[in-house]
Amino acid sequence: MTSERGARAPESTGSGQDLASISARFVALVIDWVACLLLSYLIQWMGVEPPQVAGADVLPSGLFLLYTAVALTAGTQTLGMAVMKIACVDSRTGGRLPLWRSILRAILLSLVLPALTAIVHPYNRGLHDLAAGSVVLKVPAAS
C-alpha cells in the first residue's frame, strides 16, 4: 500500500497518498519534544525527583520515548503529527504500528543520527522508519 515500489515520483507512494515533507516532520518532532519537556518540568515542579544517569536528567527523554511509542501504537499520530497533519503508518499495510516497532522507531528517532538519514533518502524515510517498517504520510483532507 505505502511501499516504495510502484511509486511514480519521490513525492508519491504509489497509493495516492503524498509523503510528508522533511519540514513537516521536523516541526512535528519539535512540538512533541517541547510537550515532553513541559510535562517533565511540571512533574519536577510537583516535587518528583527525576531519575539521573551520569548526572543528566533522563525524564524528558524517557517521556518522549514512552509518549511516542504509545501514541503510534494506539493511533497513527502524536500531538505534533496531528498539528502538522501527518501520520506514521505501517509501510506494508497502511495501519498502525505494533508496540515493538513503535518502540524501535522511538529509540532510533531519539538517537537523532538515524533520523538525519531521511534528508538523503528519496522517500524521506530515515533509518528509524526503515527499521520499523513505517512511513510518514500527509493526512488526506476530510471532504
C-alpha atoms as a PDB file:
ATOM      1  CA  MET A   1       0.000   0.000   0.000  1.00  0.00           C
ATOM      2  CA  THR A   2       2.596   2.538   1.005  1.00  0.00           C
ATOM      3  CA  SER A   3       5.737   0.915  -0.276  1.00  0.00           C
ATOM      4  CA  GLU A   4       8.330   2.487  -2.484  1.00  0.00           C
ATOM      5  CA  ARG A   5       7.621   0.071  -5.328  1.00  0.00           C
ATOM      6  CA  GLY A   6       5.267   1.367  -7.926  1.00  0.00           C
ATOM      7  CA  ALA A   7       5.701   4.979  -6.899  1.00  0.00           C
ATOM      8  CA  ARG A   8       5.575   7.467  -9.716  1.00  0.00           C
ATOM      9  CA  ALA A   9       7.746  10.101  -8.059  1.00  0.00           C
ATOM     10  CA  PRO A  10       9.526  10.579  -4.717  1.00  0.00           C
ATOM     11  CA  GLU A  11       6.594  12.713  -3.522  1.00  0.00           C
ATOM     12  CA  SER A  12       4.101   9.891  -4.033  1.00  0.00           C
ATOM     13  CA  THR A  13       3.928   6.425  -2.553  1.00  0.00           C
ATOM     14  CA  GLY A  14       2.029   4.969  -5.463  1.00  0.00           C
ATOM     15  CA  SER A  15      -1.038   4.546  -3.261  1.00  0.00           C
ATOM     16  CA  GLY A  16      -2.347   8.022  -3.934  1.00  0.00           C
ATOM     17  CA  GLN A  17      -1.109   9.480  -0.644  1.00  0.00           C
ATOM     18  CA  ASP A  18       1.690  12.011  -0.516  1.00  0.00           C
ATOM     19  CA  LEU A  19       4.729  11.560   1.659  1.00  0.00           C
ATOM     20  CA  ALA A  20       5.212  14.042   4.481  1.00  0.00           C
ATOM     21  CA  SER A  21       7.865  16.667   3.881  1.00  0.00           C
ATOM     22  CA  ILE A  22      11.036  16.840   5.938  1.00  0.00           C
ATOM     23  CA  SER A  23       9.981  20.252   7.263  1.00  0.00           C
ATOM     24  CA  ALA A  24       6.574  18.984   8.452  1.00  0.00           C
ATOM     25  CA  ARG A  25       8.235  16.024  10.145  1.00  0.00           C
ATOM     26  CA  PHE A  26      10.786  18.291  11.849  1.00  0.00           C
ATOM     27  CA  VAL A  27       8.143  20.723  13.147  1.00  0.00           C
ATOM     28  CA  ALA A  28       6.069  17.788  14.459  1.00  0.00           C
ATOM     29  CA  LEU A  29       9.140  16.444  16.254  1.00  0.00           C
ATOM     30  CA  VAL A  30       9.841  19.837  17.849  1.00  0.00           C
ATOM     31  CA  ILE A  31       6.222  20.114  19.027  1.00  0.00           C
ATOM     32  CA  ASP A  32       6.384  16.632  20.580  1.00  0.00           C
ATOM     33  CA  TRP A  33       9.744  17.314  22.228  1.00  0.00           C
ATOM     34  CA  VAL A  34       8.559  20.637  23.700  1.00  0.00           C
ATOM     35  CA  ALA A  35       5.408  18.932  25.017  1.00  0.00           C
ATOM     36  CA  CYS A  36       7.564  16.297  26.748  1.00  0.00           C
ATOM     37  CA  LEU A  37       9.854  18.994  28.168  1.00  0.00           C
ATOM     38  CA  LEU A  38       6.877  20.911  29.566  1.00  0.00           C
ATOM     39  CA  LEU A  39       5.468  17.740  31.111  1.00  0.00           C
ATOM     40  CA  SER A  40       8.894  16.999  32.602  1.00  0.00           C
ATOM     41  CA  TYR A  41       9.058  20.491  34.138  1.00  0.00           C
ATOM     42  CA  LEU A  42       5.534  20.062  35.529  1.00  0.00           C
ATOM     43  CA  ILE A  43       6.465  16.736  37.124  1.00  0.00           C
ATOM     44  CA  GLN A  44       9.580  18.288  38.688  1.00  0.00           C
ATOM     45  CA  TRP A  45       7.584  21.318  39.857  1.00  0.00           C
ATOM     46  CA  MET A  46       5.228  18.921  41.668  1.00  0.00           C
ATOM     47  CA  GLY A  47       8.216  17.714  43.681  1.00  0.00           C
ATOM     48  CA  VAL A  48       9.020  14.436  41.937  1.00  0.00           C
ATOM     49  CA  GLU A  49      12.777  13.871  41.750  1.00  0.00           C
ATOM     50  CA  PRO A  50      13.663  12.884  38.155  1.00  0.00           C
ATOM     51  CA  PRO A  51      15.964   9.917  37.522  1.00  0.00           C
ATOM     52  CA  GLN A  52      19.600  10.781  36.819  1.00  0.00           C
ATOM     53  CA  VAL A  53      22.070   8.916  34.608  1.00  0.00           C
ATOM     54  CA  ALA A  54      25.660  10.145  34.871  1.00  0.00           C
ATOM     55  CA  GLY A  55      24.341  13.396  36.338  1.00  0.00           C
ATOM     56  CA  ALA A  56      21.952  14.058  33.431  1.00  0.00           C
ATOM     57  CA  ASP A  57      18.174  14.287  33.771  1.00  0.00           C
ATOM     58  CA  VAL A  58      16.635  11.484  31.695  1.00  0.00           C
ATOM     59  CA  LEU A  59      12.988  12.290  32.411  1.00  0.00           C
ATOM     60  CA  PRO A  60      12.335  14.276  29.189  1.00  0.00           C
ATOM     61  CA  SER A  61      13.933  11.567  27.030  1.00  0.00           C
ATOM     62  CA  GLY A  62      12.055   8.814  28.822  1.00  0.00           C
ATOM     63  CA  LEU A  63       8.774  10.671  28.466  1.00  0.00           C
ATOM     64  CA  PHE A  64       9.449  11.216  24.756  1.00  0.00           C
ATOM     65  CA  LEU A  65      10.157   7.506  24.174  1.00  0.00           C
ATOM     66  CA  LEU A  66       7.087   6.400  26.111  1.00  0.00           C
ATOM     67  CA  TYR A  67       4.796   9.033  24.595  1.00  0.00           C
ATOM     68  CA  THR A  68       5.871   8.391  21.002  1.00  0.00           C
ATOM     69  CA  ALA A  69       5.685   4.603  21.291  1.00  0.00           C
ATOM     70  CA  VAL A  70       2.249   4.639  22.942  1.00  0.00           C
ATOM     71  CA  ALA A  71       0.829   7.281  20.572  1.00  0.00           C
ATOM     72  CA  LEU A  72       1.924   5.398  17.448  1.00  0.00           C
ATOM     73  CA  THR A  73       0.648   2.089  18.820  1.00  0.00           C
ATOM     74  CA  ALA A  74      -2.728   3.489  19.893  1.00  0.00           C
ATOM     75  CA  GLY A  75      -3.156   5.537  16.721  1.00  0.00           C
ATOM     76  CA  THR A  76      -1.047   6.847  13.884  1.00  0.00           C
ATOM     77  CA  GLN A  77      -0.228  10.322  15.197  1.00  0.00           C
ATOM     78  CA  THR A  78       1.457  12.131  18.028  1.00  0.00           C
ATOM     79  CA  LEU A  79       0.319  15.620  19.019  1.00  0.00           C
ATOM     80  CA  GLY A  80       2.923  17.192  16.723  1.00  0.00           C
ATOM     81  CA  MET A  81       1.902  14.968  13.836  1.00  0.00           C
ATOM     82  CA  ALA A  82      -1.748  15.879  14.323  1.00  0.00           C
ATOM     83  CA  VAL A  83      -0.904  19.600  14.276  1.00  0.00           C
ATOM     84  CA  MET A  84       1.159  19.159  11.094  1.00  0.00           C
ATOM     85  CA  LYS A  85      -1.477  16.871   9.513  1.00  0.00           C
ATOM     86  CA  ILE A  86       0.842  13.916   9.019  1.00  0.00           C
ATOM     87  CA  ALA A  87       0.649  10.301  10.208  1.00  0.00           C
ATOM     88  CA  CYS A  88       3.081   7.445  10.734  1.00  0.00           C
ATOM     89  CA  VAL A  89       1.756   4.164   9.362  1.00  0.00           C
ATOM     90  CA  ASP A  90       2.956   0.650   8.595  1.00  0.00           C
ATOM     91  CA  SER A  91       4.653   0.747   5.188  1.00  0.00           C
ATOM     92  CA  ARG A  92       3.081  -2.557   4.115  1.00  0.00           C
ATOM     93  CA  THR A  93      -0.483  -2.306   5.387  1.00  0.00           C
ATOM     94  CA  GLY A  94      -1.057   1.405   5.997  1.00  0.00           C
ATOM     95  CA  GLY A  95      -2.307   0.611   9.506  1.00  0.00           C
ATOM     96  CA  ARG A  96      -0.957   1.252  12.974  1.00  0.00           C
ATOM     97  CA  LEU A  97       2.450   0.052  14.078  1.00  0.00           C
ATOM     98  CA  PRO A  98       2.668  -2.735  16.658  1.00  0.00           C
ATOM     99  CA  LEU A  99       4.165  -1.773  20.031  1.00  0.00           C
ATOM    100  CA  TRP A 100       7.614  -3.292  19.466  1.00  0.00           C
ATOM    101  CA  ARG A 101       8.029  -1.459  16.140  1.00  0.00           C
ATOM    102  CA  SER A 102       6.814   1.810  17.704  1.00  0.00           C
ATOM    103  CA  ILE A 103       9.381   1.412  20.492  1.00  0.00           C
ATOM    104  CA  LEU A 104      12.144   0.640  17.977  1.00  0.00           C
ATOM    105  CA  ARG A 105      11.211   3.704  15.916  1.00  0.00           C
ATOM    106  CA  ALA A 106      11.104   5.942  19.017  1.00  0.00           C
ATOM    107  CA  ILE A 107      14.513   4.747  20.238  1.00  0.00           C
ATOM    108  CA  LEU A 108      16.157   5.263  16.857  1.00  0.00           C
ATOM    109  CA  LEU A 109      14.463   8.649  16.432  1.00  0.00           C
ATOM    110  CA  SER A 110      15.828   9.686  19.824  1.00  0.00           C
ATOM    111  CA  LEU A 111      19.360   8.897  18.673  1.00  0.00           C
ATOM    112  CA  VAL A 112      18.989  11.683  16.045  1.00  0.00           C
ATOM    113  CA  LEU A 113      21.520  10.287  13.537  1.00  0.00           C
ATOM    114  CA  PRO A 114      19.105   7.712  12.052  1.00  0.00           C
ATOM    115  CA  ALA A 115      16.517  10.470  11.596  1.00  0.00           C
ATOM    116  CA  LEU A 116      19.005  12.661   9.730  1.00  0.00           C
ATOM    117  CA  THR A 117      19.322   9.984   7.047  1.00  0.00           C
ATOM    118  CA  ALA A 118      15.790  10.924   5.907  1.00  0.00           C
ATOM    119  CA  ILE A 119      17.307  14.025   4.317  1.00  0.00           C
ATOM    120  CA  VAL A 120      19.157  11.954   1.699  1.00  0.00           C
ATOM    121  CA  HIS A 121      16.580   9.186   1.208  1.00  0.00           C
ATOM    122  CA  PRO A 122      14.445   9.774  -1.919  1.00  0.00           C
ATOM    123  CA  TYR A 123      11.270   8.911   0.020  1.00  0.00           C
ATOM    124  CA  ASN A 124      12.221  10.860   3.183  1.00  0.00           C
ATOM    125  CA  ARG A 125      12.489   7.625   5.166  1.00  0.00           C
ATOM    126  CA  GLY A 126      15.246   7.665   7.732  1.00  0.00           C
ATOM    127  CA  LEU A 127      16.835   4.577   9.239  1.00  0.00           C
ATOM    128  CA  HIS A 128      14.286   4.779  12.065  1.00  0.00           C
ATOM    129  CA  ASP A 129      11.444   4.409   9.535  1.00  0.00           C
ATOM    130  CA  LEU A 130      13.205   1.715   7.523  1.00  0.00           C
ATOM    131  CA  ALA A 131      13.999  -0.369  10.623  1.00  0.00           C
ATOM    132  CA  ALA A 132      10.463  -0.031  11.986  1.00  0.00           C
ATOM    133  CA  GLY A 133       8.802  -0.570   8.618  1.00  0.00           C
ATOM    134  CA  SER A 134       6.994   2.745   8.828  1.00  0.00           C
ATOM    135  CA  VAL A 135       6.337   5.649   6.502  1.00  0.00           C
ATOM    136  CA  VAL A 136       5.126   9.164   7.323  1.00  0.00           C
ATOM    137  CA  LEU A 137       2.334  10.418   5.067  1.00  0.00           C
ATOM    138  CA  LYS A 138       0.265  13.556   4.746  1.00  0.00           C
ATOM    139  CA  VAL A 139      -3.209  13.044   6.191  1.00  0.00           C
ATOM    140  CA  PRO A 140      -5.815  13.382   3.443  1.00  0.00           C
ATOM    141  CA  ALA A 141      -8.115  16.369   3.855  1.00  0.00           C
ATOM    142  CA  ALA A 142     -11.600  15.472   5.029  1.00  0.00           C
ATOM    143  CA  SER A 143     -14.273  16.109   2.434  1.00  0.00           C
END
